[in-house]
């Protein structure tokens, strides 16, 4: 029983610690309506633990970087900013790569930011990055990063 408790405590600490570190990254190419493109280097959050932790406790997220959240199926997604000090913008993206919503999120807010349609992905970037780079609803992301 004592060994099992120690193993469970270690697994919990390891899982929590691994989510606090940066995740593996990929280059995501976004194509605007005018067919020009821009890249963002995004950390990949694909497990429930990685998705739940996200950018929590990150004080600085450099411009041109972000985090892509990958889900197993299309669904209405809901994100919040619990324990997240850096202001973010989020794009909800459908399974074909089309950006369906873009919202700004407030640091530390517990208010839910909900997609208006079922989507497969969410891309978080520093707040204002989408606007500053002329990324809009209807633009698309390349799904090459899934391979």
C-alpha atoms as a PDB file:
ATOM      1  CA  UNK A   1       0.000   0.000   0.000  1.00  0.00           C
ATOM      2  CA  UNK A   2       2.839   2.365   0.875  1.00  0.00           C
ATOM      3  CA  UNK A   3       4.582   1.647  -2.448  1.00  0.00           C
ATOM      4  CA  UNK A   4       1.363   2.340  -4.365  1.00  0.00           C
ATOM      5  CA  UNK A   5       0.941   5.683  -2.597  1.00  0.00           C
ATOM      6  CA  UNK A   6       4.527   6.671  -3.436  1.00  0.00           C
ATOM      7  CA  UNK A   7       4.045   5.672  -7.086  1.00  0.00           C
ATOM      8  CA  UNK A   8       0.800   7.687  -7.304  1.00  0.00           C
ATOM      9  CA  UNK A   9       2.453  10.733  -5.711  1.00  0.00           C
ATOM     10  CA  UNK A  10       5.385  10.492  -8.159  1.00  0.00           C
ATOM     11  CA  UNK A  11       3.024  10.154 -11.143  1.00  0.00           C
ATOM     12  CA  UNK A  12       1.057  13.222 -10.013  1.00  0.00           C
ATOM     13  CA  UNK A  13       4.217  15.293  -9.537  1.00  0.00           C
ATOM     14  CA  UNK A  14       5.644  14.136 -12.880  1.00  0.00           C
ATOM     15  CA  UNK A  15       2.413  14.915 -14.749  1.00  0.00           C
ATOM     16  CA  UNK A  16       2.126  18.362 -13.151  1.00  0.00           C
ATOM     17  CA  UNK A  17       5.772  19.173 -13.803  1.00  0.00           C
ATOM     18  CA  UNK A  18       5.649  18.043 -17.420  1.00  0.00           C
ATOM     19  CA  UNK A  19       2.719  20.372 -18.135  1.00  0.00           C
ATOM     20  CA  UNK A  20       4.576  23.380 -16.712  1.00  0.00           C
ATOM     21  CA  UNK A  21       7.427  22.999 -19.169  1.00  0.00           C
ATOM     22  CA  UNK A  22       7.247  23.978 -22.790  1.00  0.00           C
ATOM     23  CA  UNK A  23       5.689  21.365 -25.021  1.00  0.00           C
ATOM     24  CA  UNK A  24       7.017  20.176 -28.400  1.00  0.00           C
ATOM     25  CA  UNK A  25       6.463  22.775 -31.123  1.00  0.00           C
ATOM     26  CA  UNK A  26       5.344  22.837 -34.726  1.00  0.00           C
ATOM     27  CA  UNK A  27       5.129  25.472 -37.426  1.00  0.00           C
ATOM     28  CA  UNK A  28       1.562  26.368 -38.334  1.00  0.00           C
ATOM     29  CA  UNK A  29       0.954  28.264 -41.554  1.00  0.00           C
ATOM     30  CA  UNK A  30      -2.083  30.527 -41.677  1.00  0.00           C
ATOM     31  CA  UNK A  31      -3.434  31.543 -45.078  1.00  0.00           C
ATOM     32  CA  UNK A  32      -5.273  34.848 -45.206  1.00  0.00           C
ATOM     33  CA  UNK A  33      -8.201  35.619 -47.505  1.00  0.00           C
ATOM     34  CA  UNK A  34      -5.809  37.356 -49.953  1.00  0.00           C
ATOM     35  CA  UNK A  35      -3.774  34.085 -50.164  1.00  0.00           C
ATOM     36  CA  UNK A  36      -0.751  35.510 -48.316  1.00  0.00           C
ATOM     37  CA  UNK A  37       0.565  33.403 -45.452  1.00  0.00           C
ATOM     38  CA  UNK A  38       2.155  33.848 -42.059  1.00  0.00           C
ATOM     39  CA  UNK A  39       3.660  31.260 -39.728  1.00  0.00           C
ATOM     40  CA  UNK A  40       3.332  30.850 -35.995  1.00  0.00           C
ATOM     41  CA  UNK A  41       5.471  28.476 -33.929  1.00  0.00           C
ATOM     42  CA  UNK A  42       3.030  26.690 -31.653  1.00  0.00           C
ATOM     43  CA  UNK A  43       3.432  24.311 -28.775  1.00  0.00           C
ATOM     44  CA  UNK A  44       1.252  21.231 -29.226  1.00  0.00           C
ATOM     45  CA  UNK A  45      -1.243  20.416 -26.449  1.00  0.00           C
ATOM     46  CA  UNK A  46      -2.921  17.130 -27.305  1.00  0.00           C
ATOM     47  CA  UNK A  47      -3.375  15.181 -24.071  1.00  0.00           C
ATOM     48  CA  UNK A  48      -6.060  16.163 -21.570  1.00  0.00           C
ATOM     49  CA  UNK A  49      -3.358  17.177 -19.063  1.00  0.00           C
ATOM     50  CA  UNK A  50      -1.545  19.359 -21.601  1.00  0.00           C
ATOM     51  CA  UNK A  51      -4.783  20.963 -22.778  1.00  0.00           C
ATOM     52  CA  UNK A  52      -5.953  21.631 -19.217  1.00  0.00           C
ATOM     53  CA  UNK A  53      -2.686  23.295 -18.228  1.00  0.00           C
ATOM     54  CA  UNK A  54      -2.074  25.272 -21.434  1.00  0.00           C
ATOM     55  CA  UNK A  55      -0.313  28.586 -20.813  1.00  0.00           C
ATOM     56  CA  UNK A  56      -1.032  28.666 -17.062  1.00  0.00           C
ATOM     57  CA  UNK A  57       1.627  30.511 -15.074  1.00  0.00           C
ATOM     58  CA  UNK A  58       3.440  31.727 -18.213  1.00  0.00           C
ATOM     59  CA  UNK A  59       4.342  35.371 -17.695  1.00  0.00           C
ATOM     60  CA  UNK A  60       5.716  35.977 -21.192  1.00  0.00           C
ATOM     61  CA  UNK A  61       4.642  34.472 -24.491  1.00  0.00           C
ATOM     62  CA  UNK A  62       6.781  35.834 -27.331  1.00  0.00           C
ATOM     63  CA  UNK A  63       5.195  37.348 -30.430  1.00  0.00           C
ATOM     64  CA  UNK A  64       4.994  34.802 -33.255  1.00  0.00           C
ATOM     65  CA  UNK A  65       4.469  31.890 -30.874  1.00  0.00           C
ATOM     66  CA  UNK A  66       1.408  30.190 -29.467  1.00  0.00           C
ATOM     67  CA  UNK A  67      -0.193  26.917 -28.475  1.00  0.00           C
ATOM     68  CA  UNK A  68      -2.387  24.657 -30.616  1.00  0.00           C
ATOM     69  CA  UNK A  69      -4.916  22.554 -28.721  1.00  0.00           C
ATOM     70  CA  UNK A  70      -5.881  19.375 -30.554  1.00  0.00           C
ATOM     71  CA  UNK A  71      -9.102  17.544 -29.733  1.00  0.00           C
ATOM     72  CA  UNK A  72     -10.222  14.074 -30.817  1.00  0.00           C
ATOM     73  CA  UNK A  73     -13.568  15.192 -32.235  1.00  0.00           C
ATOM     74  CA  UNK A  74     -15.508  18.286 -33.230  1.00  0.00           C
ATOM     75  CA  UNK A  75     -17.231  19.917 -30.271  1.00  0.00           C
ATOM     76  CA  UNK A  76     -18.170  23.238 -28.752  1.00  0.00           C
ATOM     77  CA  UNK A  77     -14.984  24.312 -26.960  1.00  0.00           C
ATOM     78  CA  UNK A  78     -14.726  26.470 -23.869  1.00  0.00           C
ATOM     79  CA  UNK A  79     -11.515  28.022 -22.522  1.00  0.00           C
ATOM     80  CA  UNK A  80     -10.741  30.260 -19.560  1.00  0.00           C
ATOM     81  CA  UNK A  81      -7.696  32.090 -18.240  1.00  0.00           C
ATOM     82  CA  UNK A  82      -7.380  30.604 -14.750  1.00  0.00           C
ATOM     83  CA  UNK A  83      -3.812  31.159 -13.485  1.00  0.00           C
ATOM     84  CA  UNK A  84      -2.815  32.647 -16.840  1.00  0.00           C
ATOM     85  CA  UNK A  85      -1.136  36.054 -16.401  1.00  0.00           C
ATOM     86  CA  UNK A  86      -0.411  36.836 -20.067  1.00  0.00           C
ATOM     87  CA  UNK A  87      -3.269  38.285 -22.170  1.00  0.00           C
ATOM     88  CA  UNK A  88      -4.164  35.951 -25.036  1.00  0.00           C
ATOM     89  CA  UNK A  89      -6.259  35.773 -28.173  1.00  0.00           C
ATOM     90  CA  UNK A  90      -7.837  32.475 -29.186  1.00  0.00           C
ATOM     91  CA  UNK A  91      -8.927  31.215 -32.596  1.00  0.00           C
ATOM     92  CA  UNK A  92     -11.377  28.339 -32.748  1.00  0.00           C
ATOM     93  CA  UNK A  93     -10.705  26.252 -35.857  1.00  0.00           C
ATOM     94  CA  UNK A  94     -12.841  23.573 -37.491  1.00  0.00           C
ATOM     95  CA  UNK A  95     -11.651  20.144 -38.635  1.00  0.00           C
ATOM     96  CA  UNK A  96     -10.922  21.486 -42.149  1.00  0.00           C
ATOM     97  CA  UNK A  97      -8.636  24.235 -40.802  1.00  0.00           C
ATOM     98  CA  UNK A  98     -11.047  27.169 -41.156  1.00  0.00           C
ATOM     99  CA  UNK A  99     -10.943  29.795 -38.398  1.00  0.00           C
ATOM    100  CA  UNK A 100     -14.504  30.070 -37.110  1.00  0.00           C
ATOM    101  CA  UNK A 101     -14.054  32.464 -34.149  1.00  0.00           C
ATOM    102  CA  UNK A 102     -11.400  34.788 -32.741  1.00  0.00           C
ATOM    103  CA  UNK A 103     -11.717  36.149 -29.206  1.00  0.00           C
ATOM    104  CA  UNK A 104      -9.500  38.122 -26.823  1.00  0.00           C
ATOM    105  CA  UNK A 105      -9.134  36.719 -23.305  1.00  0.00           C
ATOM    106  CA  UNK A 106      -8.445  38.535 -20.045  1.00  0.00           C
ATOM    107  CA  UNK A 107      -5.610  37.403 -17.740  1.00  0.00           C
ATOM    108  CA  UNK A 108      -6.785  35.375 -14.727  1.00  0.00           C
ATOM    109  CA  UNK A 109     -10.445  35.494 -15.847  1.00  0.00           C
ATOM    110  CA  UNK A 110     -12.631  32.562 -14.882  1.00  0.00           C
ATOM    111  CA  UNK A 111     -15.198  33.526 -17.530  1.00  0.00           C
ATOM    112  CA  UNK A 112     -15.654  30.938 -20.244  1.00  0.00           C
ATOM    113  CA  UNK A 113     -14.784  31.875 -23.824  1.00  0.00           C
ATOM    114  CA  UNK A 114     -16.950  29.530 -25.880  1.00  0.00           C
ATOM    115  CA  UNK A 115     -16.822  28.664 -29.581  1.00  0.00           C
ATOM    116  CA  UNK A 116     -20.029  29.451 -31.456  1.00  0.00           C
ATOM    117  CA  UNK A 117     -19.842  26.211 -33.499  1.00  0.00           C
ATOM    118  CA  UNK A 118     -18.297  22.770 -33.115  1.00  0.00           C
ATOM    119  CA  UNK A 119     -14.557  22.919 -33.774  1.00  0.00           C
ATOM    120  CA  UNK A 120     -11.556  20.596 -33.527  1.00  0.00           C
ATOM    121  CA  UNK A 121      -8.695  22.973 -32.664  1.00  0.00           C
ATOM    122  CA  UNK A 122      -7.950  26.100 -30.674  1.00  0.00           C
ATOM    123  CA  UNK A 123      -4.919  28.304 -31.282  1.00  0.00           C
ATOM    124  CA  UNK A 124      -3.834  30.682 -28.520  1.00  0.00           C
ATOM    125  CA  UNK A 125      -1.392  33.508 -29.246  1.00  0.00           C
ATOM    126  CA  UNK A 126      -0.388  36.726 -27.455  1.00  0.00           C
ATOM    127  CA  UNK A 127      -3.337  39.100 -27.405  1.00  0.00           C
ATOM    128  CA  UNK A 128      -3.529  41.238 -30.523  1.00  0.00           C
ATOM    129  CA  UNK A 129      -1.350  38.964 -32.673  1.00  0.00           C
ATOM    130  CA  UNK A 130      -4.237  37.927 -34.942  1.00  0.00           C
ATOM    131  CA  UNK A 131      -5.347  41.539 -35.410  1.00  0.00           C
ATOM    132  CA  UNK A 132      -1.795  42.852 -35.918  1.00  0.00           C
ATOM    133  CA  UNK A 133      -1.206  40.211 -38.610  1.00  0.00           C
ATOM    134  CA  UNK A 134      -4.560  40.664 -40.333  1.00  0.00           C
ATOM    135  CA  UNK A 135      -5.796  37.176 -39.412  1.00  0.00           C
ATOM    136  CA  UNK A 136      -9.584  37.002 -39.542  1.00  0.00           C
ATOM    137  CA  UNK A 137     -12.499  34.606 -39.254  1.00  0.00           C
ATOM    138  CA  UNK A 138     -12.607  32.622 -42.501  1.00  0.00           C
ATOM    139  CA  UNK A 139      -8.820  32.400 -42.884  1.00  0.00           C
ATOM    140  CA  UNK A 140      -7.398  28.880 -42.780  1.00  0.00           C
ATOM    141  CA  UNK A 141      -4.552  27.029 -41.138  1.00  0.00           C
ATOM    142  CA  UNK A 142      -2.583  24.281 -42.808  1.00  0.00           C
ATOM    143  CA  UNK A 143      -3.167  20.957 -41.069  1.00  0.00           C
ATOM    144  CA  UNK A 144       0.266  19.623 -42.107  1.00  0.00           C
ATOM    145  CA  UNK A 145       1.319  19.652 -38.450  1.00  0.00           C
ATOM    146  CA  UNK A 146      -0.974  16.662 -37.811  1.00  0.00           C
ATOM    147  CA  UNK A 147       1.205  14.281 -39.843  1.00  0.00           C
END
